[in-house]
Protein backbone atom coordinates (compact mmCIF):
# COMPACT_ATOMS: atom_id res chain seq x y z
CA UNK A 1 -50.08 32.98 -39.96
CA UNK A 2 -53.30 31.98 -41.58
CA UNK A 3 -55.95 34.21 -42.60
CA UNK A 4 -59.58 33.36 -44.08
CA UNK A 5 -60.35 35.06 -47.31
CA UNK A 6 -63.19 34.34 -49.40
CA UNK A 7 -63.73 30.84 -47.91
CA UNK A 8 -60.07 30.20 -48.39
CA UNK A 9 -57.37 29.85 -45.72
CA UNK A 10 -54.21 31.53 -46.96
CA UNK A 11 -50.94 30.93 -45.46
CA UNK A 12 -48.70 34.02 -46.19
CA UNK A 13 -45.71 31.95 -46.28
CA UNK A 14 -47.07 30.12 -49.24
CA UNK A 15 -48.52 32.85 -51.15
CA UNK A 16 -45.09 34.77 -51.14
CA UNK A 17 -42.04 32.63 -52.18
CA UNK A 18 -40.17 35.68 -51.75
CA UNK A 19 -40.84 36.36 -48.14
CA UNK A 20 -37.04 36.08 -47.23
CA UNK A 21 -36.37 38.93 -49.45
CA UNK A 22 -39.21 40.98 -47.99
CA UNK A 23 -38.08 40.35 -44.68
CA UNK A 24 -34.47 41.19 -45.24
CA UNK A 25 -35.66 44.46 -46.69
CA UNK A 26 -37.78 44.96 -43.34
CA UNK A 27 -34.50 44.26 -41.34
CA UNK A 28 -32.43 46.53 -43.33
CA UNK A 29 -34.99 49.39 -42.98
CA UNK A 30 -35.20 48.86 -39.14
CA UNK A 31 -31.26 49.01 -39.09
CA UNK A 32 -31.12 52.29 -41.14
CA UNK A 33 -33.71 53.68 -38.88
CA UNK A 34 -31.73 52.79 -35.76
CA UNK A 35 -28.53 54.05 -37.31
CA UNK A 36 -30.09 57.38 -38.40
CA UNK A 37 -31.41 57.71 -34.63
CA UNK A 38 -28.00 57.13 -33.22
CA UNK A 39 -26.16 59.90 -35.28
CA UNK A 40 -29.05 62.29 -35.08
CA UNK A 41 -29.57 62.24 -39.00
CA UNK A 42 -32.88 62.74 -40.60
CA UNK A 43 -34.29 59.59 -42.26
CA UNK A 44 -35.98 60.18 -45.56
CA UNK A 45 -38.70 57.82 -47.14
CA UNK A 46 -38.13 58.54 -50.81
CA UNK A 47 -40.38 56.12 -52.46
CA UNK A 48 -43.04 57.04 -54.99
CA UNK A 49 -46.58 56.49 -53.74
CA UNK A 50 -47.71 52.89 -54.33
CA UNK A 51 -50.73 53.93 -56.04
CA UNK A 52 -48.82 55.67 -58.91
CA UNK A 53 -46.45 52.73 -59.10
CA UNK A 54 -49.25 50.20 -59.31
CA UNK A 55 -51.10 52.20 -62.03
CA UNK A 56 -47.99 52.76 -64.03
CA UNK A 57 -47.25 49.04 -63.92
CA UNK A 58 -50.71 47.90 -64.67
CA UNK A 59 -50.77 50.22 -67.67
CA UNK A 60 -47.35 48.95 -68.90
CA UNK A 61 -48.44 45.39 -69.15
CA UNK A 62 -49.65 44.18 -72.61
CA UNK A 63 -53.19 42.63 -72.68
CA UNK A 64 -51.73 39.02 -72.57
CA UNK A 65 -49.34 39.75 -69.72
CA UNK A 66 -52.52 41.14 -67.73
CA UNK A 67 -54.27 37.90 -68.38
CA UNK A 68 -51.21 35.86 -67.28
CA UNK A 69 -50.91 37.88 -64.17
CA UNK A 70 -54.33 37.82 -63.19
CA UNK A 71 -54.25 33.94 -63.64
CA UNK A 72 -51.15 33.53 -61.53
CA UNK A 73 -52.78 35.47 -58.76
CA UNK A 74 -55.83 33.38 -58.94
CA UNK A 75 -53.73 30.39 -59.13
CA UNK A 76 -52.03 31.34 -55.98
CA UNK A 77 -55.18 32.00 -54.23
CA UNK A 78 -56.83 28.59 -54.94
CA UNK A 79 -53.76 26.32 -54.80
CA UNK A 80 -53.84 24.00 -51.53
CA UNK A 81 -51.59 24.52 -48.63
CA UNK A 82 -50.28 21.04 -49.45
CA UNK A 83 -48.83 22.15 -52.74
CA UNK A 84 -46.01 23.93 -50.96
CA UNK A 85 -43.99 21.99 -48.37
CA UNK A 86 -42.11 23.52 -45.61
CA UNK A 87 -38.86 21.93 -46.80
CA UNK A 88 -39.30 23.37 -50.34
CA UNK A 89 -39.75 26.97 -48.65
CA UNK A 90 -36.60 26.37 -46.68
CA UNK A 91 -34.70 25.25 -49.81
CA UNK A 92 -35.94 28.25 -51.66
CA UNK A 93 -34.77 30.61 -48.81
CA UNK A 94 -31.27 28.78 -48.70
CA UNK A 95 -30.79 29.18 -52.56
CA UNK A 96 -32.04 32.52 -52.67
CA UNK A 97 -30.07 35.44 -54.21
CA UNK A 98 -30.74 39.15 -54.36
CA UNK A 99 -31.01 38.98 -58.12
CA UNK A 100 -33.72 36.29 -58.25
CA UNK A 101 -36.83 38.47 -58.34
CA UNK A 102 -35.45 40.59 -60.88
CA UNK A 103 -34.65 37.64 -63.09
CA UNK A 104 -38.10 36.26 -62.68
CA UNK A 105 -39.78 39.50 -63.30
CA UNK A 106 -37.69 40.08 -66.64
CA UNK A 107 -38.67 36.46 -67.73
CA UNK A 108 -42.22 36.56 -66.81
CA UNK A 109 -43.46 40.21 -67.28
CA UNK A 110 -40.61 42.25 -69.11
CA UNK A 111 -43.05 45.20 -69.37
CA UNK A 112 -42.96 45.58 -65.60
CA UNK A 113 -39.25 46.31 -65.35
CA UNK A 114 -39.62 49.92 -66.38
CA UNK A 115 -42.07 50.99 -63.91
CA UNK A 116 -41.00 48.78 -60.96
CA UNK A 117 -37.38 48.77 -61.43
CA UNK A 118 -36.05 51.60 -63.63
CA UNK A 119 -38.67 54.33 -62.79
CA UNK A 120 -38.32 53.48 -59.11
CA UNK A 121 -34.53 53.88 -59.09
CA UNK A 122 -34.85 57.15 -60.87
CA UNK A 123 -37.54 58.28 -58.40
CA UNK A 124 -35.36 57.31 -55.35
CA UNK A 125 -32.35 59.19 -56.83
CA UNK A 126 -34.55 62.34 -57.48
CA UNK A 127 -35.70 62.06 -53.85
CA UNK A 128 -32.19 61.81 -52.43
CA UNK A 129 -30.93 64.63 -54.39
CA UNK A 130 -34.01 66.70 -53.45
CA UNK A 131 -33.56 65.78 -49.65
CA UNK A 132 -29.99 66.78 -49.74
CA UNK A 133 -30.54 70.07 -51.37
CA UNK A 134 -33.40 71.03 -48.97
CA UNK A 135 -31.52 69.81 -45.78
CA UNK A 136 -27.96 71.32 -46.55
């Protein structure tokens, strides 16, 4: 899956080391959707709009964290495909556990924990509560 962007050829597997986690979430969503159809339940998408989440996340970062994040994104874009080997990606997928993204986030950008994790959980809980109250 290679896409040309700004003269660079970007391989999505190289840009997203957490791809196994994202794919797992997609599989879980599809399974929930199928199960809800089988029992006739309504599927509620309770996430907060991404624009709000991204704005709150950006505003929560300190100036030096913003610079570090921008640098990491630029580095990911300009790094050559040979920097990441297929065997390295497979090793990451095998050693992966579900808490890894949270650990990395808390170490690299602690300011993002509140808007990306805690606020998300509160919003999802509120969405579920509201949905149950409306659909009783």
